[in-house]
Amino acid sequence: RVSNRTGLAPGKTPLAVEQQLEKRVPAAYAVDSHHWLILHGRYVCLARKPRCPQCAVSAYCDFKEKTRA
């Protein structure tokens, strides 16, 4: 969800998102990036009510209807 919402790795299926992430995330960060995305989705980019004003990457996010707040 976070990868799609932010535009980091858009895709229609989990496999498509995974493939996009593998292309975009440098190998040095591959192991940690998984946990960072999970934690970002758990505490900042919530499913029903994202906390865009507190988000460190909202300037780069494609979820514009919420990042305007």
N, C-alpha and C. Protein backbone atom coordinates (compact mmCIF):
# COMPACT_ATOMS: atom_id res chain seq x y z
N ARG A 1 0.83 -1.20 0.00
CA ARG A 1 0.00 0.00 0.00
C ARG A 1 0.86 1.25 0.00
N VAL A 2 1.87 1.31 0.85
CA VAL A 2 2.71 2.49 0.94
C VAL A 2 3.46 2.73 -0.38
N SER A 3 3.96 1.67 -0.97
CA SER A 3 4.71 1.81 -2.23
C SER A 3 3.82 2.33 -3.34
N ASN A 4 2.59 1.85 -3.41
CA ASN A 4 1.63 2.34 -4.41
C ASN A 4 1.22 3.77 -4.13
N ARG A 5 0.86 4.05 -2.90
CA ARG A 5 0.35 5.37 -2.54
C ARG A 5 1.39 6.46 -2.77
N THR A 6 2.61 6.21 -2.39
CA THR A 6 3.65 7.23 -2.53
C THR A 6 4.18 7.36 -3.95
N GLY A 7 3.98 6.31 -4.75
CA GLY A 7 4.51 6.32 -6.10
C GLY A 7 5.90 5.73 -6.18
N LEU A 8 6.39 5.21 -5.08
CA LEU A 8 7.72 4.61 -5.05
C LEU A 8 7.80 3.40 -5.98
N ALA A 9 6.78 2.55 -5.91
CA ALA A 9 6.76 1.35 -6.75
C ALA A 9 5.32 0.98 -7.07
N PRO A 10 4.71 1.69 -8.00
CA PRO A 10 3.32 1.39 -8.33
C PRO A 10 3.18 0.05 -9.03
N GLY A 11 2.07 -0.62 -8.75
CA GLY A 11 1.79 -1.90 -9.39
C GLY A 11 0.41 -2.38 -8.99
N LYS A 12 -0.16 -3.23 -9.84
CA LYS A 12 -1.52 -3.72 -9.58
C LYS A 12 -1.54 -4.99 -8.75
N THR A 13 -0.42 -5.67 -8.68
CA THR A 13 -0.34 -6.90 -7.89
C THR A 13 0.86 -6.81 -6.95
N PRO A 14 0.85 -7.60 -5.88
CA PRO A 14 2.01 -7.60 -4.99
C PRO A 14 3.31 -7.95 -5.72
N LEU A 15 3.25 -8.85 -6.68
CA LEU A 15 4.43 -9.23 -7.44
C LEU A 15 4.95 -8.05 -8.26
N ALA A 16 4.06 -7.29 -8.87
CA ALA A 16 4.47 -6.13 -9.66
C ALA A 16 5.13 -5.07 -8.78
N VAL A 17 4.58 -4.86 -7.58
CA VAL A 17 5.16 -3.89 -6.65
C VAL A 17 6.54 -4.37 -6.22
N GLU A 18 6.65 -5.65 -5.90
CA GLU A 18 7.94 -6.22 -5.49
C GLU A 18 9.00 -6.04 -6.58
N GLN A 19 8.63 -6.29 -7.81
CA GLN A 19 9.57 -6.15 -8.92
C GLN A 19 10.02 -4.70 -9.09
N GLN A 20 9.09 -3.76 -8.92
CA GLN A 20 9.44 -2.35 -9.01
C GLN A 20 10.38 -1.94 -7.87
N LEU A 21 10.11 -2.44 -6.67
CA LEU A 21 10.96 -2.13 -5.54
C LEU A 21 12.37 -2.67 -5.75
N GLU A 22 12.47 -3.87 -6.29
CA GLU A 22 13.78 -4.46 -6.55
C GLU A 22 14.59 -3.62 -7.54
N LYS A 23 13.91 -2.97 -8.46
CA LYS A 23 14.59 -2.10 -9.43
C LYS A 23 15.02 -0.78 -8.81
N ARG A 24 14.22 -0.24 -7.90
CA ARG A 24 14.44 1.11 -7.39
C ARG A 24 15.28 1.19 -6.12
N VAL A 25 15.23 0.16 -5.29
CA VAL A 25 15.93 0.20 -4.01
C VAL A 25 17.34 -0.35 -4.18
N PRO A 26 18.36 0.43 -3.83
CA PRO A 26 19.74 -0.06 -3.94
C PRO A 26 19.96 -1.31 -3.08
N ALA A 27 20.81 -2.18 -3.54
CA ALA A 27 21.07 -3.45 -2.86
C ALA A 27 21.51 -3.24 -1.41
N ALA A 28 22.25 -2.18 -1.15
CA ALA A 28 22.73 -1.92 0.21
C ALA A 28 21.59 -1.67 1.19
N TYR A 29 20.43 -1.24 0.69
CA TYR A 29 19.27 -0.95 1.55
C TYR A 29 18.16 -1.98 1.44
N ALA A 30 18.35 -3.00 0.65
CA ALA A 30 17.28 -3.96 0.36
C ALA A 30 16.70 -4.61 1.61
N VAL A 31 17.54 -5.06 2.51
CA VAL A 31 17.05 -5.74 3.72
C VAL A 31 16.30 -4.78 4.62
N ASP A 32 16.85 -3.60 4.86
CA ASP A 32 16.23 -2.65 5.77
C ASP A 32 15.02 -1.95 5.17
N SER A 33 14.97 -1.77 3.88
CA SER A 33 13.87 -1.02 3.26
C SER A 33 12.52 -1.67 3.52
N HIS A 34 12.49 -2.96 3.57
CA HIS A 34 11.24 -3.69 3.86
C HIS A 34 10.68 -3.24 5.21
N HIS A 35 11.52 -3.22 6.21
CA HIS A 35 11.09 -2.83 7.55
C HIS A 35 10.73 -1.35 7.60
N TRP A 36 11.48 -0.52 6.90
CA TRP A 36 11.17 0.92 6.89
C TRP A 36 9.80 1.19 6.28
N LEU A 37 9.48 0.48 5.20
CA LEU A 37 8.16 0.66 4.57
C LEU A 37 7.04 0.18 5.48
N ILE A 38 7.25 -0.93 6.16
CA ILE A 38 6.24 -1.44 7.09
C ILE A 38 6.02 -0.44 8.22
N LEU A 39 7.09 0.05 8.81
CA LEU A 39 6.96 0.99 9.92
C LEU A 39 6.36 2.31 9.46
N HIS A 40 6.72 2.78 8.28
CA HIS A 40 6.13 4.01 7.75
C HIS A 40 4.62 3.84 7.57
N GLY A 41 4.22 2.68 7.06
CA GLY A 41 2.79 2.41 6.90
C GLY A 41 2.06 2.23 8.22
N ARG A 42 2.74 1.75 9.22
CA ARG A 42 2.12 1.51 10.52
C ARG A 42 1.93 2.80 11.32
N TYR A 43 2.89 3.72 11.23
CA TYR A 43 2.86 4.89 12.10
C TYR A 43 2.58 6.21 11.41
N VAL A 44 2.82 6.32 10.11
CA VAL A 44 2.64 7.60 9.42
C VAL A 44 1.63 7.48 8.29
N CYS A 45 1.87 6.60 7.36
CA CYS A 45 1.03 6.46 6.17
C CYS A 45 -0.07 5.43 6.44
N LEU A 46 -0.95 5.76 7.36
CA LEU A 46 -2.00 4.85 7.78
C LEU A 46 -3.01 4.63 6.66
N ALA A 47 -3.64 3.48 6.66
CA ALA A 47 -4.55 3.12 5.57
C ALA A 47 -5.75 4.07 5.48
N ARG A 48 -6.42 4.31 6.59
CA ARG A 48 -7.64 5.10 6.54
C ARG A 48 -7.43 6.59 6.75
N LYS A 49 -6.44 6.94 7.54
CA LYS A 49 -6.21 8.36 7.82
C LYS A 49 -4.71 8.62 7.87
N PRO A 50 -4.08 8.79 6.71
CA PRO A 50 -2.64 9.04 6.69
C PRO A 50 -2.29 10.36 7.37
N ARG A 51 -1.16 10.36 8.03
CA ARG A 51 -0.69 11.56 8.75
C ARG A 51 0.29 12.33 7.86
N CYS A 52 -0.22 12.82 6.77
CA CYS A 52 0.63 13.51 5.79
C CYS A 52 1.35 14.74 6.34
N PRO A 53 0.74 15.55 7.19
CA PRO A 53 1.48 16.71 7.71
C PRO A 53 2.72 16.32 8.52
N GLN A 54 2.73 15.12 9.10
CA GLN A 54 3.89 14.67 9.87
C GLN A 54 4.86 13.84 9.03
N CYS A 55 4.55 13.60 7.78
CA CYS A 55 5.34 12.73 6.93
C CYS A 55 6.60 13.44 6.42
N ALA A 56 7.73 12.75 6.54
CA ALA A 56 9.00 13.31 6.09
C ALA A 56 9.15 13.30 4.57
N VAL A 57 8.36 12.50 3.88
CA VAL A 57 8.49 12.40 2.42
C VAL A 57 7.25 12.90 1.68
N SER A 58 6.38 13.65 2.34
CA SER A 58 5.15 14.10 1.70
C SER A 58 5.40 14.98 0.47
N ALA A 59 6.52 15.66 0.43
CA ALA A 59 6.84 16.51 -0.74
C ALA A 59 7.08 15.67 -1.99
N TYR A 60 7.42 14.42 -1.81
CA TYR A 60 7.71 13.53 -2.94
C TYR A 60 6.59 12.53 -3.20
N CYS A 61 5.54 12.60 -2.42
CA CYS A 61 4.46 11.62 -2.46
C CYS A 61 3.48 11.91 -3.61
N ASP A 62 2.97 10.85 -4.22
CA ASP A 62 1.99 10.99 -5.30
C ASP A 62 0.55 11.01 -4.77
N PHE A 63 0.35 10.87 -3.48
CA PHE A 63 -0.98 10.83 -2.89
C PHE A 63 -1.43 12.26 -2.59
N LYS A 64 -1.63 13.04 -3.63
CA LYS A 64 -1.81 14.50 -3.52
C LYS A 64 -3.07 14.91 -2.77
N GLU A 65 -4.15 14.14 -2.84
CA GLU A 65 -5.38 14.59 -2.18
C GLU A 65 -5.21 14.65 -0.67
N LYS A 66 -4.23 13.95 -0.13
CA LYS A 66 -3.98 14.01 1.31
C LYS A 66 -2.78 14.88 1.65
N THR A 67 -1.82 15.01 0.77
CA THR A 67 -0.61 15.75 1.11
C THR A 67 -0.84 17.26 1.12
N ARG A 68 -1.96 17.73 0.65
CA ARG A 68 -2.25 19.17 0.67
C ARG A 68 -2.57 19.67 2.06
N ALA A 69 -2.96 18.78 2.94
CA ALA A 69 -3.39 19.18 4.30
C ALA A 69 -2.28 19.81 5.10
